[in-house]
PDB file of N, CA and C in Angstrom:
ATOM      1  N   MET A   1     -15.267   9.600  21.189  1.00  0.00           N
ATOM      2  CA  MET A   1     -14.528   8.998  20.113  1.00  0.00           C
ATOM      3  C   MET A   1     -14.040   7.629  20.589  1.00  0.00           C
ATOM      4  N   ASN A   2     -14.263   6.611  19.787  1.00  0.00           N
ATOM      5  CA  ASN A   2     -13.936   5.239  20.167  1.00  0.00           C
ATOM      6  C   ASN A   2     -12.724   4.710  19.415  1.00  0.00           C
ATOM      7  N   ALA A   3     -12.044   3.764  20.013  1.00  0.00           N
ATOM      8  CA  ALA A   3     -10.963   3.054  19.325  1.00  0.00           C
ATOM      9  C   ALA A   3     -11.571   2.217  18.205  1.00  0.00           C
ATOM     10  N   VAL A   4     -10.816   2.039  17.129  1.00  0.00           N
ATOM     11  CA  VAL A   4     -11.288   1.288  15.961  1.00  0.00           C
ATOM     12  C   VAL A   4     -10.297   0.169  15.664  1.00  0.00           C
ATOM     13  N   LEU A   5     -10.788  -1.047  15.553  1.00  0.00           N
ATOM     14  CA  LEU A   5      -9.949  -2.179  15.184  1.00  0.00           C
ATOM     15  C   LEU A   5      -9.731  -2.151  13.674  1.00  0.00           C
ATOM     16  N   ILE A   6      -8.485  -2.284  13.257  1.00  0.00           N
ATOM     17  CA  ILE A   6      -8.156  -2.288  11.827  1.00  0.00           C
ATOM     18  C   ILE A   6      -8.088  -3.746  11.391  1.00  0.00           C
ATOM     19  N   GLU A   7      -9.122  -4.191  10.650  1.00  0.00           N
ATOM     20  CA  GLU A   7      -9.201  -5.598  10.271  1.00  0.00           C
ATOM     21  C   GLU A   7      -9.920  -5.770   8.937  1.00  0.00           C
ATOM     22  N   GLU A   8      -9.829  -6.977   8.410  1.00  0.00           N
ATOM     23  CA  GLU A   8     -10.463  -7.329   7.141  1.00  0.00           C
ATOM     24  C   GLU A   8     -11.847  -7.902   7.427  1.00  0.00           C
ATOM     25  N   THR A   9     -12.873  -7.058   7.333  1.00  0.00           N
ATOM     26  CA  THR A   9     -14.240  -7.516   7.514  1.00  0.00           C
ATOM     27  C   THR A   9     -15.042  -7.180   6.268  1.00  0.00           C
ATOM     28  N   GLU A  10     -16.175  -7.834   6.118  1.00  0.00           N
ATOM     29  CA  GLU A  10     -17.058  -7.547   4.983  1.00  0.00           C
ATOM     30  C   GLU A  10     -17.488  -6.079   5.011  1.00  0.00           C
ATOM     31  N   GLU A  11     -17.755  -5.578   6.192  1.00  0.00           N
ATOM     32  CA  GLU A  11     -18.186  -4.182   6.364  1.00  0.00           C
ATOM     33  C   GLU A  11     -17.100  -3.191   5.935  1.00  0.00           C
ATOM     34  N   ASN A  12     -15.821  -3.535   6.151  1.00  0.00           N
ATOM     35  CA  ASN A  12     -14.708  -2.640   5.828  1.00  0.00           C
ATOM     36  C   ASN A  12     -14.185  -2.800   4.401  1.00  0.00           C
ATOM     37  N   PHE A  13     -14.662  -3.829   3.660  1.00  0.00           N
ATOM     38  CA  PHE A  13     -14.132  -4.084   2.324  1.00  0.00           C
ATOM     39  C   PHE A  13     -14.423  -2.893   1.415  1.00  0.00           C
ATOM     40  N   LEU A  14     -13.364  -2.356   0.805  1.00  0.00           N
ATOM     41  CA  LEU A  14     -13.507  -1.201  -0.071  1.00  0.00           C
ATOM     42  C   LEU A  14     -13.537  -1.597  -1.541  1.00  0.00           C
ATOM     43  N   ARG A  15     -12.500  -2.372  -1.969  1.00  0.00           N
ATOM     44  CA  ARG A  15     -12.447  -2.718  -3.396  1.00  0.00           C
ATOM     45  C   ARG A  15     -11.371  -3.754  -3.691  1.00  0.00           C
ATOM     46  N   GLU A  16     -11.533  -4.385  -4.846  1.00  0.00           N
ATOM     47  CA  GLU A  16     -10.477  -5.195  -5.445  1.00  0.00           C
ATOM     48  C   GLU A  16      -9.966  -4.402  -6.637  1.00  0.00           C
ATOM     49  N   SER A  17      -8.667  -4.286  -6.764  1.00  0.00           N
ATOM     50  CA  SER A  17      -8.072  -3.478  -7.828  1.00  0.00           C
ATOM     51  C   SER A  17      -7.250  -4.334  -8.771  1.00  0.00           C
ATOM     52  N   ILE A  18      -7.472  -4.128 -10.056  1.00  0.00           N
ATOM     53  CA  ILE A  18      -6.654  -4.737 -11.093  1.00  0.00           C
ATOM     54  C   ILE A  18      -5.998  -3.563 -11.815  1.00  0.00           C
ATOM     55  N   PRO A  19      -4.677  -3.396 -11.653  1.00  0.00           N
ATOM     56  CA  PRO A  19      -4.026  -2.218 -12.236  1.00  0.00           C
ATOM     57  C   PRO A  19      -4.043  -2.255 -13.755  1.00  0.00           C
ATOM     58  N   PRO A  20      -4.063  -1.072 -14.384  1.00  0.00           N
ATOM     59  CA  PRO A  20      -4.021  -1.029 -15.852  1.00  0.00           C
ATOM     60  C   PRO A  20      -2.709  -1.627 -16.368  1.00  0.00           C
ATOM     61  N   ALA A  21      -2.771  -2.265 -17.514  1.00  0.00           N
ATOM     62  CA  ALA A  21      -1.625  -2.975 -18.085  1.00  0.00           C
ATOM     63  C   ALA A  21      -0.381  -2.097 -18.184  1.00  0.00           C
ATOM     64  N   GLU A  22      -0.535  -0.819 -18.500  1.00  0.00           N
ATOM     65  CA  GLU A  22       0.626   0.061 -18.660  1.00  0.00           C
ATOM     66  C   GLU A  22       1.349   0.343 -17.337  1.00  0.00           C
ATOM     67  N   SER A  23       0.694   0.041 -16.209  1.00  0.00           N
ATOM     68  CA  SER A  23       1.318   0.231 -14.895  1.00  0.00           C
ATOM     69  C   SER A  23       2.006  -1.025 -14.379  1.00  0.00           C
ATOM     70  N   VAL A  24       1.807  -2.147 -15.058  1.00  0.00           N
ATOM     71  CA  VAL A  24       2.356  -3.426 -14.593  1.00  0.00           C
ATOM     72  C   VAL A  24       3.688  -3.704 -15.280  1.00  0.00           C
ATOM     73  N   ALA A  25       4.747  -3.857 -14.464  1.00  0.00           N
ATOM     74  CA  ALA A  25       6.064  -4.192 -15.002  1.00  0.00           C
ATOM     75  C   ALA A  25       6.234  -5.702 -15.098  1.00  0.00           C
ATOM     76  N   GLU A  26       5.604  -6.460 -14.153  1.00  0.00           N
ATOM     77  CA  GLU A  26       5.648  -7.923 -14.204  1.00  0.00           C
ATOM     78  C   GLU A  26       4.569  -8.495 -13.297  1.00  0.00           C
ATOM     79  N   GLY A  27       4.170  -9.729 -13.579  1.00  0.00           N
ATOM     80  CA  GLY A  27       3.222 -10.441 -12.733  1.00  0.00           C
ATOM     81  C   GLY A  27       1.791  -9.960 -12.869  1.00  0.00           C
ATOM     82  N   ASP A  28       1.001 -10.255 -11.864  1.00  0.00           N
ATOM     83  CA  ASP A  28      -0.420  -9.905 -11.825  1.00  0.00           C
ATOM     84  C   ASP A  28      -0.723  -9.305 -10.444  1.00  0.00           C
ATOM     85  N   PRO A  29      -0.237  -8.063 -10.191  1.00  0.00           N
ATOM     86  CA  PRO A  29      -0.318  -7.490  -8.849  1.00  0.00           C
ATOM     87  C   PRO A  29      -1.698  -6.957  -8.459  1.00  0.00           C
ATOM     88  N   ARG A  30      -2.726  -7.784  -8.626  1.00  0.00           N
ATOM     89  CA  ARG A  30      -4.051  -7.346  -8.192  1.00  0.00           C
ATOM     90  C   ARG A  30      -4.081  -7.266  -6.675  1.00  0.00           C
ATOM     91  N   SER A  31      -4.929  -6.382  -6.150  1.00  0.00           N
ATOM     92  CA  SER A  31      -4.942  -6.163  -4.703  1.00  0.00           C
ATOM     93  C   SER A  31      -6.363  -5.988  -4.186  1.00  0.00           C
ATOM     94  N   LYS A  32      -6.499  -6.094  -2.856  1.00  0.00           N
ATOM     95  CA  LYS A  32      -7.765  -5.851  -2.166  1.00  0.00           C
ATOM     96  C   LYS A  32      -7.490  -4.881  -1.027  1.00  0.00           C
ATOM     97  N   THR A  33      -8.454  -4.003  -0.772  1.00  0.00           N
ATOM     98  CA  THR A  33      -8.305  -3.000   0.279  1.00  0.00           C
ATOM     99  C   THR A  33      -9.506  -3.019   1.204  1.00  0.00           C
ATOM    100  N   TRP A  34      -9.218  -3.011   2.517  1.00  0.00           N
ATOM    101  CA  TRP A  34     -10.237  -2.868   3.557  1.00  0.00           C
ATOM    102  C   TRP A  34      -9.954  -1.544   4.252  1.00  0.00           C
ATOM    103  N   LEU A  35     -10.933  -0.656   4.312  1.00  0.00           N
ATOM    104  CA  LEU A  35     -10.754   0.665   4.899  1.00  0.00           C
ATOM    105  C   LEU A  35     -11.423   0.697   6.265  1.00  0.00           C
ATOM    106  N   ALA A  36     -10.608   0.796   7.331  1.00  0.00           N
ATOM    107  CA  ALA A  36     -11.135   0.776   8.695  1.00  0.00           C
ATOM    108  C   ALA A  36     -11.597   2.145   9.152  1.00  0.00           C
ATOM    109  N   ALA A  37     -10.924   3.206   8.692  1.00  0.00           N
ATOM    110  CA  ALA A  37     -11.296   4.559   9.119  1.00  0.00           C
ATOM    111  C   ALA A  37     -10.826   5.567   8.090  1.00  0.00           C
ATOM    112  N   ASN A  38     -11.579   6.623   7.969  1.00  0.00           N
ATOM    113  CA  ASN A  38     -11.250   7.738   7.093  1.00  0.00           C
ATOM    114  C   ASN A  38     -11.728   8.992   7.810  1.00  0.00           C
ATOM    115  N   PHE A  39     -10.822   9.929   8.083  1.00  0.00           N
ATOM    116  CA  PHE A  39     -11.207  11.132   8.811  1.00  0.00           C
ATOM    117  C   PHE A  39     -10.345  12.300   8.383  1.00  0.00           C
ATOM    118  N   ASN A  40     -10.744  13.491   8.785  1.00  0.00           N
ATOM    119  CA  ASN A  40     -10.017  14.693   8.447  1.00  0.00           C
ATOM    120  C   ASN A  40      -9.276  15.199   9.664  1.00  0.00           C
ATOM    121  N   SER A  41      -7.984  15.452   9.496  1.00  0.00           N
ATOM    122  CA  SER A  41      -7.152  15.947  10.584  1.00  0.00           C
ATOM    123  C   SER A  41      -6.106  16.881   9.975  1.00  0.00           C
ATOM    124  N   GLY A  42      -6.585  17.950   9.358  1.00  0.00           N
ATOM    125  CA  GLY A  42      -5.692  18.836   8.627  1.00  0.00           C
ATOM    126  C   GLY A  42      -5.371  18.285   7.246  1.00  0.00           C
ATOM    127  N   GLY A  43      -6.019  17.222   6.871  1.00  0.00           N
ATOM    128  CA  GLY A  43      -5.858  16.521   5.601  1.00  0.00           C
ATOM    129  C   GLY A  43      -6.658  15.240   5.709  1.00  0.00           C
ATOM    130  N   SER A  44      -6.903  14.590   4.603  1.00  0.00           N
ATOM    131  CA  SER A  44      -7.665  13.353   4.625  1.00  0.00           C
ATOM    132  C   SER A  44      -6.759  12.203   5.072  1.00  0.00           C
ATOM    133  N   VAL A  45      -7.148  11.526   6.157  1.00  0.00           N
ATOM    134  CA  VAL A  45      -6.366  10.417   6.706  1.00  0.00           C
ATOM    135  C   VAL A  45      -7.177   9.139   6.558  1.00  0.00           C
ATOM    136  N   SER A  46      -6.546   8.085   6.047  1.00  0.00           N
ATOM    137  CA  SER A  46      -7.198   6.784   5.893  1.00  0.00           C
ATOM    138  C   SER A  46      -6.298   5.713   6.466  1.00  0.00           C
ATOM    139  N   THR A  47      -6.917   4.661   7.001  1.00  0.00           N
ATOM    140  CA  THR A  47      -6.145   3.526   7.500  1.00  0.00           C
ATOM    141  C   THR A  47      -6.897   2.239   7.203  1.00  0.00           C
ATOM    142  N   GLY A  48      -6.146   1.173   6.978  1.00  0.00           N
ATOM    143  CA  GLY A  48      -6.791  -0.094   6.668  1.00  0.00           C
ATOM    144  C   GLY A  48      -5.779  -1.189   6.410  1.00  0.00           C
ATOM    145  N   ILE A  49      -6.270  -2.241   5.767  1.00  0.00           N
ATOM    146  CA  ILE A  49      -5.468  -3.413   5.411  1.00  0.00           C
ATOM    147  C   ILE A  49      -5.453  -3.535   3.894  1.00  0.00           C
ATOM    148  N   TRP A  50      -4.317  -3.912   3.341  1.00  0.00           N
ATOM    149  CA  TRP A  50      -4.147  -4.088   1.903  1.00  0.00           C
ATOM    150  C   TRP A  50      -3.477  -5.425   1.674  1.00  0.00           C
ATOM    151  N   THR A  51      -3.991  -6.202   0.738  1.00  0.00           N
ATOM    152  CA  THR A  51      -3.362  -7.461   0.358  1.00  0.00           C
ATOM    153  C   THR A  51      -3.102  -7.441  -1.142  1.00  0.00           C
ATOM    154  N   ALA A  52      -2.055  -8.152  -1.569  1.00  0.00           N
ATOM    155  CA  ALA A  52      -1.752  -8.177  -3.002  1.00  0.00           C
ATOM    156  C   ALA A  52      -1.071  -9.478  -3.389  1.00  0.00           C
ATOM    157  N   GLU A  53      -1.229  -9.807  -4.656  1.00  0.00           N
ATOM    158  CA  GLU A  53      -0.580 -10.953  -5.272  1.00  0.00           C
ATOM    159  C   GLU A  53       0.784 -10.508  -5.810  1.00  0.00           C
ATOM    160  N   PRO A  54       1.690 -11.444  -6.085  1.00  0.00           N
ATOM    161  CA  PRO A  54       3.014 -11.089  -6.586  1.00  0.00           C
ATOM    162  C   PRO A  54       2.953 -10.322  -7.909  1.00  0.00           C
ATOM    163  N   GLY A  55       3.823  -9.344  -8.025  1.00  0.00           N
ATOM    164  CA  GLY A  55       3.920  -8.550  -9.237  1.00  0.00           C
ATOM    165  C   GLY A  55       4.600  -7.227  -8.949  1.00  0.00           C
ATOM    166  N   THR A  56       4.889  -6.490 -10.020  1.00  0.00           N
ATOM    167  CA  THR A  56       5.579  -5.202  -9.900  1.00  0.00           C
ATOM    168  C   THR A  56       4.793  -4.113 -10.603  1.00  0.00           C
ATOM    169  N   LEU A  57       4.608  -3.000  -9.890  1.00  0.00           N
ATOM    170  CA  LEU A  57       3.927  -1.827 -10.449  1.00  0.00           C
ATOM    171  C   LEU A  57       4.938  -0.725 -10.725  1.00  0.00           C
ATOM    172  N   LYS A  58       4.761  -0.052 -11.857  1.00  0.00           N
ATOM    173  CA  LYS A  58       5.529   1.152 -12.164  1.00  0.00           C
ATOM    174  C   LYS A  58       4.713   2.326 -11.608  1.00  0.00           C
ATOM    175  N   VAL A  59       5.283   3.053 -10.671  1.00  0.00           N
ATOM    176  CA  VAL A  59       4.561   4.152 -10.018  1.00  0.00           C
ATOM    177  C   VAL A  59       5.162   5.478 -10.465  1.00  0.00           C
ATOM    178  N   ARG A  60       4.314   6.372 -10.911  1.00  0.00           N
ATOM    179  CA  ARG A  60       4.709   7.725 -11.302  1.00  0.00           C
ATOM    180  C   ARG A  60       3.941   8.701 -10.426  1.00  0.00           C
ATOM    181  N   SER A  61       4.619   9.344  -9.537  1.00  0.00           N
ATOM    182  CA  SER A  61       4.048  10.359  -8.649  1.00  0.00           C
ATOM    183  C   SER A  61       2.951   9.794  -7.740  1.00  0.00           C
ATOM    184  N   TYR A  62       3.378   9.101  -6.685  1.00  0.00           N
ATOM    185  CA  TYR A  62       2.451   8.517  -5.707  1.00  0.00           C
ATOM    186  C   TYR A  62       1.502   9.596  -5.190  1.00  0.00           C
ATOM    187  N   PRO A  63       0.204   9.324  -5.120  1.00  0.00           N
ATOM    188  CA  PRO A  63      -0.779  10.387  -4.862  1.00  0.00           C
ATOM    189  C   PRO A  63      -0.909  10.861  -3.411  1.00  0.00           C
ATOM    190  N   VAL A  64      -0.361  10.110  -2.443  1.00  0.00           N
ATOM    191  CA  VAL A  64      -0.528  10.454  -1.020  1.00  0.00           C
ATOM    192  C   VAL A  64       0.764  10.132  -0.265  1.00  0.00           C
ATOM    193  N   ASP A  65       0.884  10.636   0.962  1.00  0.00           N
ATOM    194  CA  ASP A  65       1.911  10.163   1.884  1.00  0.00           C
ATOM    195  C   ASP A  65       1.372   8.882   2.504  1.00  0.00           C
ATOM    196  N   GLU A  66       2.203   7.841   2.598  1.00  0.00           N
ATOM    197  CA  GLU A  66       1.758   6.581   3.181  1.00  0.00           C
ATOM    198  C   GLU A  66       2.844   5.976   4.059  1.00  0.00           C
ATOM    199  N   VAL A  67       2.436   5.518   5.222  1.00  0.00           N
ATOM    200  CA  VAL A  67       3.277   4.681   6.078  1.00  0.00           C
ATOM    201  C   VAL A  67       2.599   3.324   6.123  1.00  0.00           C
ATOM    202  N   PHE A  68       3.372   2.271   5.873  1.00  0.00           N
ATOM    203  CA  PHE A  68       2.784   0.929   5.958  1.00  0.00           C
ATOM    204  C   PHE A  68       3.717   0.003   6.707  1.00  0.00           C
ATOM    205  N   THR A  69       3.112  -1.018   7.312  1.00  0.00           N
ATOM    206  CA  THR A  69       3.846  -2.070   7.996  1.00  0.00           C
ATOM    207  C   THR A  69       3.446  -3.396   7.378  1.00  0.00           C
ATOM    208  N   VAL A  70       4.425  -4.168   6.939  1.00  0.00           N
ATOM    209  CA  VAL A  70       4.150  -5.481   6.364  1.00  0.00           C
ATOM    210  C   VAL A  70       3.802  -6.445   7.496  1.00  0.00           C
ATOM    211  N   ILE A  71       2.661  -7.097   7.349  1.00  0.00           N
ATOM    212  CA  ILE A  71       2.212  -8.094   8.328  1.00  0.00           C
ATOM    213  C   ILE A  71       2.699  -9.478   7.910  1.00  0.00           C
ATOM    214  N   SER A  72       2.549  -9.779   6.623  1.00  0.00           N
ATOM    215  CA  SER A  72       3.056 -11.034   6.064  1.00  0.00           C
ATOM    216  C   SER A  72       3.445 -10.778   4.618  1.00  0.00           C
ATOM    217  N   GLY A  73       4.411 -11.542   4.142  1.00  0.00           N
ATOM    218  CA  GLY A  73       4.856 -11.370   2.768  1.00  0.00           C
ATOM    219  C   GLY A  73       6.144 -10.581   2.681  1.00  0.00           C
ATOM    220  N   ASP A  74       6.355  -9.946   1.522  1.00  0.00           N
ATOM    221  CA  ASP A  74       7.626  -9.284   1.241  1.00  0.00           C
ATOM    222  C   ASP A  74       7.395  -8.233   0.164  1.00  0.00           C
ATOM    223  N   ILE A  75       7.818  -7.010   0.430  1.00  0.00           N
ATOM    224  CA  ILE A  75       7.693  -5.914  -0.536  1.00  0.00           C
ATOM    225  C   ILE A  75       9.082  -5.365  -0.821  1.00  0.00           C
ATOM    226  N   GLU A  76       9.326  -5.044  -2.086  1.00  0.00           N
ATOM    227  CA  GLU A  76      10.589  -4.451  -2.515  1.00  0.00           C
ATOM    228  C   GLU A  76      10.254  -3.137  -3.219  1.00  0.00           C
ATOM    229  N   VAL A  77      10.786  -2.051  -2.697  1.00  0.00           N
ATOM    230  CA  VAL A  77      10.540  -0.718  -3.261  1.00  0.00           C
ATOM    231  C   VAL A  77      11.838  -0.237  -3.905  1.00  0.00           C
ATOM    232  N   THR A  78      11.798   0.043  -5.210  1.00  0.00           N
ATOM    233  CA  THR A  78      12.976   0.541  -5.914  1.00  0.00           C
ATOM    234  C   THR A  78      12.755   2.013  -6.237  1.00  0.00           C
ATOM    235  N   ASN A  79      13.616   2.861  -5.657  1.00  0.00           N
ATOM    236  CA  ASN A  79      13.522   4.302  -5.887  1.00  0.00           C
ATOM    237  C   ASN A  79      14.067   4.654  -7.262  1.00  0.00           C
ATOM    238  N   GLU A  80      13.746   5.843  -7.741  1.00  0.00           N
ATOM    239  CA  GLU A  80      14.212   6.272  -9.066  1.00  0.00           C
ATOM    240  C   GLU A  80      15.736   6.265  -9.189  1.00  0.00           C
ATOM    241  N   ASP A  81      16.451   6.469  -8.079  1.00  0.00           N
ATOM    242  CA  ASP A  81      17.911   6.477  -8.131  1.00  0.00           C
ATOM    243  C   ASP A  81      18.502   5.065  -8.136  1.00  0.00           C
ATOM    244  N   GLY A  82      17.628   4.036  -8.113  1.00  0.00           N
ATOM    245  CA  GLY A  82      18.066   2.660  -8.157  1.00  0.00           C
ATOM    246  C   GLY A  82      18.241   2.006  -6.789  1.00  0.00           C
ATOM    247  N   SER A  83      18.189   2.793  -5.716  1.00  0.00           N
ATOM    248  CA  SER A  83      18.302   2.210  -4.379  1.00  0.00           C
ATOM    249  C   SER A  83      17.051   1.389  -4.078  1.00  0.00           C
ATOM    250  N   VAL A  84      17.236   0.316  -3.314  1.00  0.00           N
ATOM    251  CA  VAL A  84      16.153  -0.626  -3.049  1.00  0.00           C
ATOM    252  C   VAL A  84      15.912  -0.718  -1.543  1.00  0.00           C
ATOM    253  N   VAL A  85      14.636  -0.709  -1.164  1.00  0.00           N
ATOM    254  CA  VAL A  85      14.231  -0.888   0.224  1.00  0.00           C
ATOM    255  C   VAL A  85      13.424  -2.178   0.284  1.00  0.00           C
ATOM    256  N   HIS A  86      13.901  -3.161   1.071  1.00  0.00           N
ATOM    257  CA  HIS A  86      13.180  -4.416   1.271  1.00  0.00           C
ATOM    258  C   HIS A  86      12.374  -4.272   2.558  1.00  0.00           C
ATOM    259  N   VAL A  87      11.082  -4.560   2.495  1.00  0.00           N
ATOM    260  CA  VAL A  87      10.214  -4.432   3.666  1.00  0.00           C
ATOM    261  C   VAL A  87       9.639  -5.817   3.970  1.00  0.00           C
ATOM    262  N   LYS A  88      10.022  -6.350   5.108  1.00  0.00           N
ATOM    263  CA  LYS A  88       9.627  -7.702   5.514  1.00  0.00           C
ATOM    264  C   LYS A  88       8.671  -7.609   6.703  1.00  0.00           C
ATOM    265  N   PRO A  89       8.029  -8.708   7.087  1.00  0.00           N
ATOM    266  CA  PRO A  89       7.076  -8.677   8.199  1.00  0.00           C
ATOM    267  C   PRO A  89       7.652  -7.990   9.448  1.00  0.00           C
ATOM    268  N   GLY A  90       6.859  -7.073   9.986  1.00  0.00           N
ATOM    269  CA  GLY A  90       7.258  -6.319  11.168  1.00  0.00           C
ATOM    270  C   GLY A  90       7.996  -5.037  10.846  1.00  0.00           C
ATOM    271  N   GLN A  91       8.378  -4.840   9.587  1.00  0.00           N
ATOM    272  CA  GLN A  91       9.070  -3.615   9.190  1.00  0.00           C
ATOM    273  C   GLN A  91       8.092  -2.629   8.564  1.00  0.00           C
ATOM    274  N   SER A  92       8.440  -1.344   8.672  1.00  0.00           N
ATOM    275  CA  SER A  92       7.589  -0.272   8.152  1.00  0.00           C
ATOM    276  C   SER A  92       8.339   0.538   7.110  1.00  0.00           C
ATOM    277  N   CYS A  93       7.581   1.199   6.247  1.00  0.00           N
ATOM    278  CA  CYS A  93       8.150   1.990   5.167  1.00  0.00           C
ATOM    279  C   CYS A  93       7.313   3.262   4.981  1.00  0.00           C
ATOM    280  N   LEU A  94       7.973   4.338   4.605  1.00  0.00           N
ATOM    281  CA  LEU A  94       7.302   5.598   4.287  1.00  0.00           C
ATOM    282  C   LEU A  94       7.441   5.864   2.798  1.00  0.00           C
ATOM    283  N   LEU A  95       6.317   6.059   2.111  1.00  0.00           N
ATOM    284  CA  LEU A  95       6.306   6.523   0.727  1.00  0.00           C
ATOM    285  C   LEU A  95       5.756   7.948   0.754  1.00  0.00           C
ATOM    286  N   ARG A  96       6.516   8.899   0.237  1.00  0.00           N
ATOM    287  CA  ARG A  96       6.095  10.288   0.242  1.00  0.00           C
ATOM    288  C   ARG A  96       5.260  10.601  -0.995  1.00  0.00           C
ATOM    289  N   LYS A  97       4.342  11.527  -0.852  1.00  0.00           N
ATOM    290  CA  LYS A  97       3.549  11.990  -1.990  1.00  0.00           C
ATOM    291  C   LYS A  97       4.518  12.451  -3.078  1.00  0.00           C
ATOM    292  N   GLY A  98       4.286  11.996  -4.305  1.00  0.00           N
ATOM    293  CA  GLY A  98       5.156  12.340  -5.420  1.00  0.00           C
ATOM    294  C   GLY A  98       6.240  11.310  -5.700  1.00  0.00           C
ATOM    295  N   TRP A  99       6.377  10.292  -4.801  1.00  0.00           N
ATOM    296  CA  TRP A  99       7.388   9.252  -5.005  1.00  0.00           C
ATOM    297  C   TRP A  99       7.148   8.538  -6.332  1.00  0.00           C
ATOM    298  N   SER A 100       8.242   8.195  -7.016  1.00  0.00           N
ATOM    299  CA  SER A 100       8.172   7.420  -8.255  1.00  0.00           C
ATOM    300  C   SER A 100       9.183   6.287  -8.188  1.00  0.00           C
ATOM    301  N   GLY A 101       8.833   5.159  -8.775  1.00  0.00           N
ATOM    302  CA  GLY A 101       9.733   4.016  -8.802  1.00  0.00           C
ATOM    303  C   GLY A 101       8.968   2.739  -9.067  1.00  0.00           C
ATOM    304  N   LEU A 102       9.541   1.613  -8.633  1.00  0.00           N
ATOM    305  CA  LEU A 102       8.908   0.306  -8.797  1.00  0.00           C
ATOM    306  C   LEU A 102       8.472  -0.210  -7.432  1.00  0.00           C
ATOM    307  N   PHE A 103       7.252  -0.717  -7.364  1.00  0.00           N
ATOM    308  CA  PHE A 103       6.699  -1.290  -6.137  1.00  0.00           C
ATOM    309  C   PHE A 103       6.444  -2.760  -6.421  1.00  0.00           C
ATOM    310  N   ARG A 104       7.282  -3.623  -5.841  1.00  0.00           N
ATOM    311  CA  ARG A 104       7.208  -5.059  -6.129  1.00  0.00           C
ATOM    312  C   ARG A 104       6.689  -5.834  -4.928  1.00  0.00           C
ATOM    313  N   THR A 105       5.606  -6.562  -5.158  1.00  0.00           N
ATOM    314  CA  THR A 105       5.102  -7.508  -4.181  1.00  0.00           C
ATOM    315  C   THR A 105       5.755  -8.840  -4.525  1.00  0.00           C
ATOM    316  N   VAL A 106       6.748  -9.230  -3.727  1.00  0.00           N
ATOM    317  CA  VAL A 106       7.571 -10.401  -4.024  1.00  0.00           C
ATOM    318  C   VAL A 106       6.763 -11.688  -3.900  1.00  0.00           C
ATOM    319  N   GLU A 107       5.906 -11.739  -2.893  1.00  0.00           N
ATOM    320  CA  GLU A 107       5.030 -12.884  -2.659  1.00  0.00           C
ATOM    321  C   GLU A 107       3.702 -12.340  -2.146  1.00  0.00           C
ATOM    322  N   GLN A 108       2.703 -13.193  -2.029  1.00  0.00           N
ATOM    323  CA  GLN A 108       1.420 -12.729  -1.505  1.00  0.00           C
ATOM    324  C   GLN A 108       1.692 -11.965  -0.203  1.00  0.00           C
ATOM    325  N   THR A 109       1.189 -10.739  -0.125  1.00  0.00           N
ATOM    326  CA  THR A 109       1.549  -9.834   0.964  1.00  0.00           C
ATOM    327  C   THR A 109       0.320  -9.197   1.595  1.00  0.00           C
ATOM    328  N   ARG A 110       0.444  -8.931   2.891  1.00  0.00           N
ATOM    329  CA  ARG A 110      -0.595  -8.236   3.656  1.00  0.00           C
ATOM    330  C   ARG A 110       0.099  -7.123   4.434  1.00  0.00           C
ATOM    331  N   LYS A 111      -0.450  -5.903   4.327  1.00  0.00           N
ATOM    332  CA  LYS A 111       0.127  -4.774   5.065  1.00  0.00           C
ATOM    333  C   LYS A 111      -0.975  -3.946   5.706  1.00  0.00           C
ATOM    334  N   CYS A 112      -0.609  -3.263   6.763  1.00  0.00           N
ATOM    335  CA  CYS A 112      -1.482  -2.284   7.417  1.00  0.00           C
ATOM    336  C   CYS A 112      -0.954  -0.917   6.990  1.00  0.00           C
ATOM    337  N   PHE A 113      -1.847  -0.008   6.596  1.00  0.00           N
ATOM    338  CA  PHE A 113      -1.402   1.283   6.066  1.00  0.00           C
ATOM    339  C   PHE A 113      -2.116   2.458   6.705  1.00  0.00           C
ATOM    340  N   VAL A 114      -1.462   3.602   6.649  1.00  0.00           N
ATOM    341  CA  VAL A 114      -2.060   4.903   6.978  1.00  0.00           C
ATOM    342  C   VAL A 114      -1.648   5.846   5.866  1.00  0.00           C
ATOM    343  N   THR A 115      -2.627   6.504   5.242  1.00  0.00           N
ATOM    344  CA  THR A 115      -2.332   7.493   4.206  1.00  0.00           C
ATOM    345  C   THR A 115      -2.825   8.858   4.647  1.00  0.00           C
ATOM    346  N   VAL A 116      -2.102   9.889   4.190  1.00  0.00           N
ATOM    347  CA  VAL A 116      -2.476  11.280   4.459  1.00  0.00           C
ATOM    348  C   VAL A 116      -2.434  12.015   3.129  1.00  0.00           C
ATOM    349  N   ASP A 117      -3.520  12.693   2.812  1.00  0.00           N
ATOM    350  CA  ASP A 117      -3.600  13.466   1.571  1.00  0.00           C
ATOM    351  C   ASP A 117      -3.956  14.906   1.945  1.00  0.00           C
ATOM    352  N   GLY A 118      -3.049  15.794   1.692  1.00  0.00           N
ATOM    353  CA  GLY A 118      -3.351  17.203   1.966  1.00  0.00           C
ATOM    354  C   GLY A 118      -2.571  17.804   3.078  1.00  0.00           C
TER     355      GLY A 118
END
């Protein structure tokens, strides 16, 4: 088993996403995802790089557990109870499966992520 570099390469490019209008609270939060690895370890685990333009998404029941670290930019996560978590470069955040709230990309942002499903 070899170490894997998590980076934005043509080979790792997964998709560009334009969220449906009903999920957008403000802006144009389109994003791009590069998937460096996907494996099974008691559940499906994925890791990669995600970039997004400024905007806010309304999230209802996040589909996976995710830990991410902001590399550049600024993310603001508003929980259903109104509490806000600001995630700046070098900081990490955990979103649990089933989380609901607002996910705001304050400025063009790049993050490294790990998701676990199952």
